[in-house]
């Protein structure tokens, strides 16, 4: 599996809707460029998983840092989002 690290992860309310948005950066610590990276993020409220989503980041060059943003459409920030206290984020696949 490629060596990617995820930093500056923020879970917040969308500017235009009530939905939850996950923002952050991914760093490609390899000497290989990838056209697509599939990332899984799992959001938790206490110990209960409230979202489990896979999204893609395109065009991750060797040694580069790239910002990403993913809207979690099924979560309303006012009902659930502000209670999210933990997350897991990892690479599913890259090619």
PDB file of N, CA and C in Angstrom:
ATOM      1  N   UNK A   1       0.855  -1.182   0.000  1.00  0.00           N
ATOM      2  CA  UNK A   1       0.000   0.000   0.000  1.00  0.00           C
ATOM      3  C   UNK A   1       0.898   1.241   0.000  1.00  0.00           C
ATOM      4  N   UNK A   2       0.536   2.244  -0.780  1.00  0.00           N
ATOM      5  CA  UNK A   2       1.318   3.483  -0.819  1.00  0.00           C
ATOM      6  C   UNK A   2       1.371   4.168   0.544  1.00  0.00           C
ATOM      7  N   UNK A   3       2.395   4.956   0.737  1.00  0.00           N
ATOM      8  CA  UNK A   3       2.599   5.667   1.995  1.00  0.00           C
ATOM      9  C   UNK A   3       2.003   7.074   1.900  1.00  0.00           C
ATOM     10  N   UNK A   4       0.759   7.231   2.360  1.00  0.00           N
ATOM     11  CA  UNK A   4       0.081   8.523   2.393  1.00  0.00           C
ATOM     12  C   UNK A   4      -0.208   8.876   3.849  1.00  0.00           C
ATOM     13  N   UNK A   5      -0.116  10.160   4.150  1.00  0.00           N
ATOM     14  CA  UNK A   5      -0.495  10.648   5.473  1.00  0.00           C
ATOM     15  C   UNK A   5      -1.566  11.709   5.316  1.00  0.00           C
ATOM     16  N   UNK A   6      -2.454  11.782   6.298  1.00  0.00           N
ATOM     17  CA  UNK A   6      -3.567  12.728   6.283  1.00  0.00           C
ATOM     18  C   UNK A   6      -3.401  13.701   7.449  1.00  0.00           C
ATOM     19  N   UNK A   7      -3.500  15.005   7.143  1.00  0.00           N
ATOM     20  CA  UNK A   7      -3.274  16.052   8.134  1.00  0.00           C
ATOM     21  C   UNK A   7      -4.358  17.119   8.061  1.00  0.00           C
ATOM     22  N   UNK A   8      -4.417  17.929   9.122  1.00  0.00           N
ATOM     23  CA  UNK A   8      -5.294  19.098   9.182  1.00  0.00           C
ATOM     24  C   UNK A   8      -6.752  18.734   8.900  1.00  0.00           C
ATOM     25  N   UNK A   9      -7.191  17.611   9.433  1.00  0.00           N
ATOM     26  CA  UNK A   9      -8.561  17.153   9.223  1.00  0.00           C
ATOM     27  C   UNK A   9      -9.514  18.030  10.042  1.00  0.00           C
ATOM     28  N   UNK A  10     -10.519  18.575   9.373  1.00  0.00           N
ATOM     29  CA  UNK A  10     -11.555  19.385  10.013  1.00  0.00           C
ATOM     30  C   UNK A  10     -12.916  18.798   9.671  1.00  0.00           C
ATOM     31  N   UNK A  11     -13.779  18.740  10.656  1.00  0.00           N
ATOM     32  CA  UNK A  11     -15.155  18.308  10.452  1.00  0.00           C
ATOM     33  C   UNK A  11     -16.017  19.502  10.821  1.00  0.00           C
ATOM     34  N   UNK A  12     -16.740  20.033   9.840  1.00  0.00           N
ATOM     35  CA  UNK A  12     -17.497  21.256  10.089  1.00  0.00           C
ATOM     36  C   UNK A  12     -18.767  21.287   9.268  1.00  0.00           C
ATOM     37  N   UNK A  13     -19.545  22.344   9.460  1.00  0.00           N
ATOM     38  CA  UNK A  13     -20.794  22.531   8.724  1.00  0.00           C
ATOM     39  C   UNK A  13     -20.490  23.137   7.363  1.00  0.00           C
ATOM     40  N   UNK A  14     -21.213  22.667   6.357  1.00  0.00           N
ATOM     41  CA  UNK A  14     -21.112  23.240   5.018  1.00  0.00           C
ATOM     42  C   UNK A  14     -21.507  24.710   5.062  1.00  0.00           C
ATOM     43  N   UNK A  15     -20.865  25.529   4.246  1.00  0.00           N
ATOM     44  CA  UNK A  15     -21.192  26.954   4.212  1.00  0.00           C
ATOM     45  C   UNK A  15     -22.590  27.218   3.662  1.00  0.00           C
ATOM     46  N   UNK A  16     -23.065  26.371   2.742  1.00  0.00           N
ATOM     47  CA  UNK A  16     -24.330  26.630   2.045  1.00  0.00           C
ATOM     48  C   UNK A  16     -25.489  25.743   2.462  1.00  0.00           C
ATOM     49  N   UNK A  17     -25.213  24.662   3.171  1.00  0.00           N
ATOM     50  CA  UNK A  17     -26.276  23.727   3.557  1.00  0.00           C
ATOM     51  C   UNK A  17     -26.079  23.319   5.016  1.00  0.00           C
ATOM     52  N   UNK A  18     -26.892  22.389   5.485  1.00  0.00           N
ATOM     53  CA  UNK A  18     -26.778  21.868   6.850  1.00  0.00           C
ATOM     54  C   UNK A  18     -25.857  20.654   6.931  1.00  0.00           C
ATOM     55  N   UNK A  19     -25.293  20.240   5.821  1.00  0.00           N
ATOM     56  CA  UNK A  19     -24.525  19.002   5.761  1.00  0.00           C
ATOM     57  C   UNK A  19     -23.146  19.128   6.414  1.00  0.00           C
ATOM     58  N   UNK A  20     -22.576  17.978   6.749  1.00  0.00           N
ATOM     59  CA  UNK A  20     -21.241  17.889   7.326  1.00  0.00           C
ATOM     60  C   UNK A  20     -20.217  17.874   6.196  1.00  0.00           C
ATOM     61  N   UNK A  21     -19.122  18.590   6.395  1.00  0.00           N
ATOM     62  CA  UNK A  21     -18.015  18.621   5.436  1.00  0.00           C
ATOM     63  C   UNK A  21     -16.746  18.182   6.160  1.00  0.00           C
ATOM     64  N   UNK A  22     -15.974  17.314   5.490  1.00  0.00           N
ATOM     65  CA  UNK A  22     -14.668  16.905   5.999  1.00  0.00           C
ATOM     66  C   UNK A  22     -13.621  17.504   5.071  1.00  0.00           C
ATOM     67  N   UNK A  23     -12.693  18.266   5.644  1.00  0.00           N
ATOM     68  CA  UNK A  23     -11.621  18.899   4.882  1.00  0.00           C
ATOM     69  C   UNK A  23     -10.288  18.454   5.459  1.00  0.00           C
ATOM     70  N   UNK A  24      -9.270  18.449   4.601  1.00  0.00           N
ATOM     71  CA  UNK A  24      -7.942  18.108   5.082  1.00  0.00           C
ATOM     72  C   UNK A  24      -6.932  18.109   3.962  1.00  0.00           C
ATOM     73  N   UNK A  25      -5.778  17.519   4.248  1.00  0.00           N
ATOM     74  CA  UNK A  25      -4.704  17.408   3.278  1.00  0.00           C
ATOM     75  C   UNK A  25      -4.161  15.991   3.291  1.00  0.00           C
ATOM     76  N   UNK A  26      -3.741  15.537   2.119  1.00  0.00           N
ATOM     77  CA  UNK A  26      -3.078  14.251   2.010  1.00  0.00           C
ATOM     78  C   UNK A  26      -1.676  14.495   1.459  1.00  0.00           C
ATOM     79  N   UNK A  27      -0.711  13.779   2.006  1.00  0.00           N
ATOM     80  CA  UNK A  27       0.674  13.884   1.561  1.00  0.00           C
ATOM     81  C   UNK A  27       1.081  12.546   0.960  1.00  0.00           C
ATOM     82  N   UNK A  28       1.607  12.601  -0.258  1.00  0.00           N
ATOM     83  CA  UNK A  28       2.119  11.409  -0.935  1.00  0.00           C
ATOM     84  C   UNK A  28       3.599  11.295  -0.583  1.00  0.00           C
ATOM     85  N   UNK A  29       3.928  10.368   0.295  1.00  0.00           N
ATOM     86  CA  UNK A  29       5.310  10.177   0.751  1.00  0.00           C
ATOM     87  C   UNK A  29       6.085   9.194  -0.112  1.00  0.00           C
ATOM     88  N   UNK A  30       5.647   8.995  -1.341  1.00  0.00           N
ATOM     89  CA  UNK A  30       6.328   8.043  -2.220  1.00  0.00           C
ATOM     90  C   UNK A  30       6.967   8.778  -3.396  1.00  0.00           C
ATOM     91  N   UNK A  31       7.708   8.037  -4.184  1.00  0.00           N
ATOM     92  CA  UNK A  31       8.329   8.581  -5.391  1.00  0.00           C
ATOM     93  C   UNK A  31       7.487   8.284  -6.623  1.00  0.00           C
ATOM     94  N   UNK A  32       6.261   7.846  -6.412  1.00  0.00           N
ATOM     95  CA  UNK A  32       5.356   7.499  -7.514  1.00  0.00           C
ATOM     96  C   UNK A  32       4.152   8.433  -7.504  1.00  0.00           C
ATOM     97  N   UNK A  33       3.719   8.834  -8.687  1.00  0.00           N
ATOM     98  CA  UNK A  33       2.501   9.645  -8.819  1.00  0.00           C
ATOM     99  C   UNK A  33       1.301   8.726  -8.997  1.00  0.00           C
ATOM    100  N   UNK A  34       0.145   9.167  -8.503  1.00  0.00           N
ATOM    101  CA  UNK A  34      -1.085   8.384  -8.597  1.00  0.00           C
ATOM    102  C   UNK A  34      -2.168   9.226  -9.245  1.00  0.00           C
ATOM    103  N   UNK A  35      -2.889   8.635 -10.183  1.00  0.00           N
ATOM    104  CA  UNK A  35      -3.977   9.370 -10.837  1.00  0.00           C
ATOM    105  C   UNK A  35      -5.214   9.420  -9.950  1.00  0.00           C
ATOM    106  N   UNK A  36      -5.448   8.365  -9.167  1.00  0.00           N
ATOM    107  CA  UNK A  36      -6.624   8.312  -8.289  1.00  0.00           C
ATOM    108  C   UNK A  36      -6.271   7.615  -6.979  1.00  0.00           C
ATOM    109  N   UNK A  37      -6.724   8.222  -5.893  1.00  0.00           N
ATOM    110  CA  UNK A  37      -6.570   7.631  -4.566  1.00  0.00           C
ATOM    111  C   UNK A  37      -7.964   7.536  -3.959  1.00  0.00           C
ATOM    112  N   UNK A  38      -8.352   6.326  -3.555  1.00  0.00           N
ATOM    113  CA  UNK A  38      -9.644   6.127  -2.883  1.00  0.00           C
ATOM    114  C   UNK A  38      -9.400   6.164  -1.378  1.00  0.00           C
ATOM    115  N   UNK A  39     -10.142   7.036  -0.696  1.00  0.00           N
ATOM    116  CA  UNK A  39      -9.965   7.274   0.732  1.00  0.00           C
ATOM    117  C   UNK A  39     -11.262   6.908   1.462  1.00  0.00           C
ATOM    118  N   UNK A  40     -11.113   6.203   2.571  1.00  0.00           N
ATOM    119  CA  UNK A  40     -12.279   5.888   3.406  1.00  0.00           C
ATOM    120  C   UNK A  40     -12.194   6.724   4.675  1.00  0.00           C
ATOM    121  N   UNK A  41     -13.322   7.335   5.028  1.00  0.00           N
ATOM    122  CA  UNK A  41     -13.419   8.048   6.293  1.00  0.00           C
ATOM    123  C   UNK A  41     -14.629   7.515   7.053  1.00  0.00           C
ATOM    124  N   UNK A  42     -14.404   7.228   8.325  1.00  0.00           N
ATOM    125  CA  UNK A  42     -15.467   6.761   9.215  1.00  0.00           C
ATOM    126  C   UNK A  42     -15.584   7.794  10.337  1.00  0.00           C
ATOM    127  N   UNK A  43     -16.784   8.325  10.525  1.00  0.00           N
ATOM    128  CA  UNK A  43     -17.036   9.325  11.554  1.00  0.00           C
ATOM    129  C   UNK A  43     -17.799   8.694  12.707  1.00  0.00           C
ATOM    130  N   UNK A  44     -17.432   9.082  13.927  1.00  0.00           N
ATOM    131  CA  UNK A  44     -18.029   8.491  15.121  1.00  0.00           C
ATOM    132  C   UNK A  44     -18.626   9.563  16.028  1.00  0.00           C
ATOM    133  N   UNK A  45     -19.735   9.208  16.618  1.00  0.00           N
ATOM    134  CA  UNK A  45     -20.350   9.988  17.685  1.00  0.00           C
ATOM    135  C   UNK A  45     -20.285   9.086  18.910  1.00  0.00           C
ATOM    136  N   UNK A  46     -19.430   9.445  19.853  1.00  0.00           N
ATOM    137  CA  UNK A  46     -19.046   8.565  20.958  1.00  0.00           C
ATOM    138  C   UNK A  46     -18.405   7.336  20.335  1.00  0.00           C
ATOM    139  N   UNK A  47     -18.911   6.153  20.548  1.00  0.00           N
ATOM    140  CA  UNK A  47     -18.307   4.963  19.944  1.00  0.00           C
ATOM    141  C   UNK A  47     -19.144   4.414  18.790  1.00  0.00           C
ATOM    142  N   UNK A  48     -20.144   5.164  18.350  1.00  0.00           N
ATOM    143  CA  UNK A  48     -21.058   4.711  17.303  1.00  0.00           C
ATOM    144  C   UNK A  48     -20.662   5.329  15.963  1.00  0.00           C
ATOM    145  N   UNK A  49     -20.513   4.488  14.958  1.00  0.00           N
ATOM    146  CA  UNK A  49     -20.206   4.966  13.609  1.00  0.00           C
ATOM    147  C   UNK A  49     -21.455   5.620  13.008  1.00  0.00           C
ATOM    148  N   UNK A  50     -21.331   6.887  12.584  1.00  0.00           N
ATOM    149  CA  UNK A  50     -22.472   7.597  12.004  1.00  0.00           C
ATOM    150  C   UNK A  50     -22.308   7.817  10.506  1.00  0.00           C
ATOM    151  N   UNK A  51     -21.108   7.591   9.974  1.00  0.00           N
ATOM    152  CA  UNK A  51     -20.881   7.695   8.527  1.00  0.00           C
ATOM    153  C   UNK A  51     -19.669   6.858   8.170  1.00  0.00           C
ATOM    154  N   UNK A  52     -19.758   6.202   7.008  1.00  0.00           N
ATOM    155  CA  UNK A  52     -18.672   5.384   6.484  1.00  0.00           C
ATOM    156  C   UNK A  52     -18.675   5.622   4.977  1.00  0.00           C
ATOM    157  N   UNK A  53     -17.753   6.462   4.503  1.00  0.00           N
ATOM    158  CA  UNK A  53     -17.798   6.973   3.134  1.00  0.00           C
ATOM    159  C   UNK A  53     -16.452   6.766   2.449  1.00  0.00           C
ATOM    160  N   UNK A  54     -16.503   6.393   1.165  1.00  0.00           N
ATOM    161  CA  UNK A  54     -15.305   6.337   0.334  1.00  0.00           C
ATOM    162  C   UNK A  54     -15.415   7.440  -0.709  1.00  0.00           C
ATOM    163  N   UNK A  55     -14.330   8.193  -0.880  1.00  0.00           N
ATOM    164  CA  UNK A  55     -14.285   9.238  -1.901  1.00  0.00           C
ATOM    165  C   UNK A  55     -12.921   9.196  -2.578  1.00  0.00           C
ATOM    166  N   UNK A  56     -12.796   9.875  -3.700  1.00  0.00           N
ATOM    167  CA  UNK A  56     -11.546   9.839  -4.448  1.00  0.00           C
ATOM    168  C   UNK A  56     -10.869  11.200  -4.475  1.00  0.00           C
ATOM    169  N   UNK A  57      -9.559  11.141  -4.537  1.00  0.00           N
ATOM    170  CA  UNK A  57      -8.713  12.313  -4.734  1.00  0.00           C
ATOM    171  C   UNK A  57      -7.938  12.038  -6.015  1.00  0.00           C
ATOM    172  N   UNK A  58      -8.027  12.926  -6.968  1.00  0.00           N
ATOM    173  CA  UNK A  58      -7.388  12.719  -8.265  1.00  0.00           C
ATOM    174  C   UNK A  58      -6.113  13.534  -8.399  1.00  0.00           C
ATOM    175  N   UNK A  59      -5.120  12.934  -9.096  1.00  0.00           N
ATOM    176  CA  UNK A  59      -3.893  13.644  -9.426  1.00  0.00           C
ATOM    177  C   UNK A  59      -2.992  13.931  -8.248  1.00  0.00           C
ATOM    178  N   UNK A  60      -2.471  12.896  -7.605  1.00  0.00           N
ATOM    179  CA  UNK A  60      -1.576  13.067  -6.468  1.00  0.00           C
ATOM    180  C   UNK A  60      -0.156  12.734  -6.902  1.00  0.00           C
ATOM    181  N   UNK A  61       0.614  13.764  -7.189  1.00  0.00           N
ATOM    182  CA  UNK A  61       1.981  13.605  -7.687  1.00  0.00           C
ATOM    183  C   UNK A  61       2.915  13.105  -6.589  1.00  0.00           C
ATOM    184  N   UNK A  62       4.031  12.525  -7.007  1.00  0.00           N
ATOM    185  CA  UNK A  62       5.044  12.038  -6.077  1.00  0.00           C
ATOM    186  C   UNK A  62       5.510  13.177  -5.173  1.00  0.00           C
ATOM    187  N   UNK A  63       5.535  12.928  -3.860  1.00  0.00           N
ATOM    188  CA  UNK A  63       6.031  13.899  -2.901  1.00  0.00           C
ATOM    189  C   UNK A  63       5.157  15.121  -2.693  1.00  0.00           C
ATOM    190  N   UNK A  64       3.954  15.114  -3.217  1.00  0.00           N
ATOM    191  CA  UNK A  64       3.109  16.315  -3.155  1.00  0.00           C
ATOM    192  C   UNK A  64       2.131  16.287  -1.986  1.00  0.00           C
ATOM    193  N   UNK A  65       1.566  17.470  -1.725  1.00  0.00           N
ATOM    194  CA  UNK A  65       0.505  17.649  -0.734  1.00  0.00           C
ATOM    195  C   UNK A  65      -0.710  18.150  -1.501  1.00  0.00           C
ATOM    196  N   UNK A  66      -1.868  17.583  -1.220  1.00  0.00           N
ATOM    197  CA  UNK A  66      -3.087  18.015  -1.909  1.00  0.00           C
ATOM    198  C   UNK A  66      -4.217  18.160  -0.906  1.00  0.00           C
ATOM    199  N   UNK A  67      -4.939  19.263  -1.004  1.00  0.00           N
ATOM    200  CA  UNK A  67      -6.105  19.498  -0.148  1.00  0.00           C
ATOM    201  C   UNK A  67      -7.301  18.729  -0.693  1.00  0.00           C
ATOM    202  N   UNK A  68      -8.187  18.314   0.199  1.00  0.00           N
ATOM    203  CA  UNK A  68      -9.426  17.660  -0.222  1.00  0.00           C
ATOM    204  C   UNK A  68     -10.577  18.175   0.629  1.00  0.00           C
ATOM    205  N   UNK A  69     -11.776  17.996   0.089  1.00  0.00           N
ATOM    206  CA  UNK A  69     -13.005  18.352   0.794  1.00  0.00           C
ATOM    207  C   UNK A  69     -14.090  17.387   0.360  1.00  0.00           C
ATOM    208  N   UNK A  70     -14.772  16.794   1.318  1.00  0.00           N
ATOM    209  CA  UNK A  70     -15.844  15.841   1.031  1.00  0.00           C
ATOM    210  C   UNK A  70     -17.074  16.204   1.849  1.00  0.00           C
ATOM    211  N   UNK A  71     -18.191  16.401   1.166  1.00  0.00           N
ATOM    212  CA  UNK A  71     -19.468  16.646   1.834  1.00  0.00           C
ATOM    213  C   UNK A  71     -20.119  15.309   2.142  1.00  0.00           C
ATOM    214  N   UNK A  72     -20.558  15.149   3.380  1.00  0.00           N
ATOM    215  CA  UNK A  72     -21.262  13.936   3.806  1.00  0.00           C
ATOM    216  C   UNK A  72     -22.749  14.277   3.771  1.00  0.00           C
ATOM    217  N   UNK A  73     -23.387  13.973   2.655  1.00  0.00           N
ATOM    218  CA  UNK A  73     -24.765  14.396   2.402  1.00  0.00           C
ATOM    219  C   UNK A  73     -25.779  13.858   3.399  1.00  0.00           C
ATOM    220  N   UNK A  74     -25.537  12.666   3.930  1.00  0.00           N
ATOM    221  CA  UNK A  74     -26.537  12.050   4.795  1.00  0.00           C
ATOM    222  C   UNK A  74     -26.497  12.550   6.238  1.00  0.00           C
ATOM    223  N   UNK A  75     -25.541  13.416   6.577  1.00  0.00           N
ATOM    224  CA  UNK A  75     -25.444  13.910   7.954  1.00  0.00           C
ATOM    225  C   UNK A  75     -25.803  15.382   8.050  1.00  0.00           C
ATOM    226  N   UNK A  76     -26.716  15.699   8.946  1.00  0.00           N
ATOM    227  CA  UNK A  76     -27.097  17.070   9.251  1.00  0.00           C
ATOM    228  C   UNK A  76     -26.199  17.543  10.395  1.00  0.00           C
ATOM    229  N   UNK A  77     -25.453  18.612  10.169  1.00  0.00           N
ATOM    230  CA  UNK A  77     -24.494  19.075  11.166  1.00  0.00           C
ATOM    231  C   UNK A  77     -25.159  19.430  12.492  1.00  0.00           C
ATOM    232  N   UNK A  78     -26.304  20.086  12.450  1.00  0.00           N
ATOM    233  CA  UNK A  78     -26.952  20.522  13.694  1.00  0.00           C
ATOM    234  C   UNK A  78     -27.468  19.339  14.515  1.00  0.00           C
ATOM    235  N   UNK A  79     -27.811  18.223  13.856  1.00  0.00           N
ATOM    236  CA  UNK A  79     -28.326  17.055  14.569  1.00  0.00           C
ATOM    237  C   UNK A  79     -27.227  16.097  15.005  1.00  0.00           C
ATOM    238  N   UNK A  80     -26.208  15.915  14.147  1.00  0.00           N
ATOM    239  CA  UNK A  80     -25.189  14.896  14.407  1.00  0.00           C
ATOM    240  C   UNK A  80     -23.774  15.469  14.353  1.00  0.00           C
ATOM    241  N   UNK A  81     -23.513  16.304  13.378  1.00  0.00           N
ATOM    242  CA  UNK A  81     -22.156  16.736  13.076  1.00  0.00           C
ATOM    243  C   UNK A  81     -21.386  17.337  14.220  1.00  0.00           C
ATOM    244  N   UNK A  82     -22.028  18.182  15.000  1.00  0.00           N
ATOM    245  CA  UNK A  82     -21.298  18.825  16.093  1.00  0.00           C
ATOM    246  C   UNK A  82     -21.000  17.865  17.234  1.00  0.00           C
ATOM    247  N   UNK A  83     -21.581  16.666  17.210  1.00  0.00           N
ATOM    248  CA  UNK A  83     -21.306  15.653  18.233  1.00  0.00           C
ATOM    249  C   UNK A  83     -20.265  14.633  17.790  1.00  0.00           C
ATOM    250  N   UNK A  84     -19.761  14.754  16.575  1.00  0.00           N
ATOM    251  CA  UNK A  84     -18.723  13.832  16.096  1.00  0.00           C
ATOM    252  C   UNK A  84     -17.455  14.108  16.895  1.00  0.00           C
ATOM    253  N   UNK A  85     -16.936  13.068  17.523  1.00  0.00           N
ATOM    254  CA  UNK A  85     -15.774  13.244  18.377  1.00  0.00           C
ATOM    255  C   UNK A  85     -14.562  12.427  17.952  1.00  0.00           C
ATOM    256  N   UNK A  86     -14.709  11.626  16.890  1.00  0.00           N
ATOM    257  CA  UNK A  86     -13.592  10.797  16.454  1.00  0.00           C
ATOM    258  C   UNK A  86     -13.786  10.434  14.994  1.00  0.00           C
ATOM    259  N   UNK A  87     -12.675  10.153  14.321  1.00  0.00           N
ATOM    260  CA  UNK A  87     -12.737   9.699  12.934  1.00  0.00           C
ATOM    261  C   UNK A  87     -11.574   8.761  12.653  1.00  0.00           C
ATOM    262  N   UNK A  88     -11.756   7.909  11.668  1.00  0.00           N
ATOM    263  CA  UNK A  88     -10.685   7.098  11.099  1.00  0.00           C
ATOM    264  C   UNK A  88     -10.614   7.482   9.634  1.00  0.00           C
ATOM    265  N   UNK A  89      -9.409   7.682   9.120  1.00  0.00           N
ATOM    266  CA  UNK A  89      -9.239   7.998   7.702  1.00  0.00           C
ATOM    267  C   UNK A  89      -8.044   7.211   7.200  1.00  0.00           C
ATOM    268  N   UNK A  90      -8.241   6.525   6.072  1.00  0.00           N
ATOM    269  CA  UNK A  90      -7.146   5.737   5.513  1.00  0.00           C
ATOM    270  C   UNK A  90      -7.361   5.507   4.020  1.00  0.00           C
ATOM    271  N   UNK A  91      -6.285   5.098   3.379  1.00  0.00           N
ATOM    272  CA  UNK A  91      -6.298   4.836   1.937  1.00  0.00           C
ATOM    273  C   UNK A  91      -6.861   3.448   1.680  1.00  0.00           C
ATOM    274  N   UNK A  92      -7.873   3.376   0.810  1.00  0.00           N
ATOM    275  CA  UNK A  92      -8.433   2.091   0.382  1.00  0.00           C
ATOM    276  C   UNK A  92      -7.586   1.498  -0.747  1.00  0.00           C
ATOM    277  N   UNK A  93      -7.308   2.316  -1.762  1.00  0.00           N
ATOM    278  CA  UNK A  93      -6.509   1.878  -2.909  1.00  0.00           C
ATOM    279  C   UNK A  93      -5.974   3.094  -3.634  1.00  0.00           C
ATOM    280  N   UNK A  94      -4.981   2.885  -4.459  1.00  0.00           N
ATOM    281  CA  UNK A  94      -4.417   3.975  -5.252  1.00  0.00           C
ATOM    282  C   UNK A  94      -3.880   3.393  -6.552  1.00  0.00           C
ATOM    283  N   UNK A  95      -4.080   4.130  -7.634  1.00  0.00           N
ATOM    284  CA  UNK A  95      -3.553   3.684  -8.930  1.00  0.00           C
ATOM    285  C   UNK A  95      -3.269   4.872  -9.818  1.00  0.00           C
TER     286      UNK A  95
END
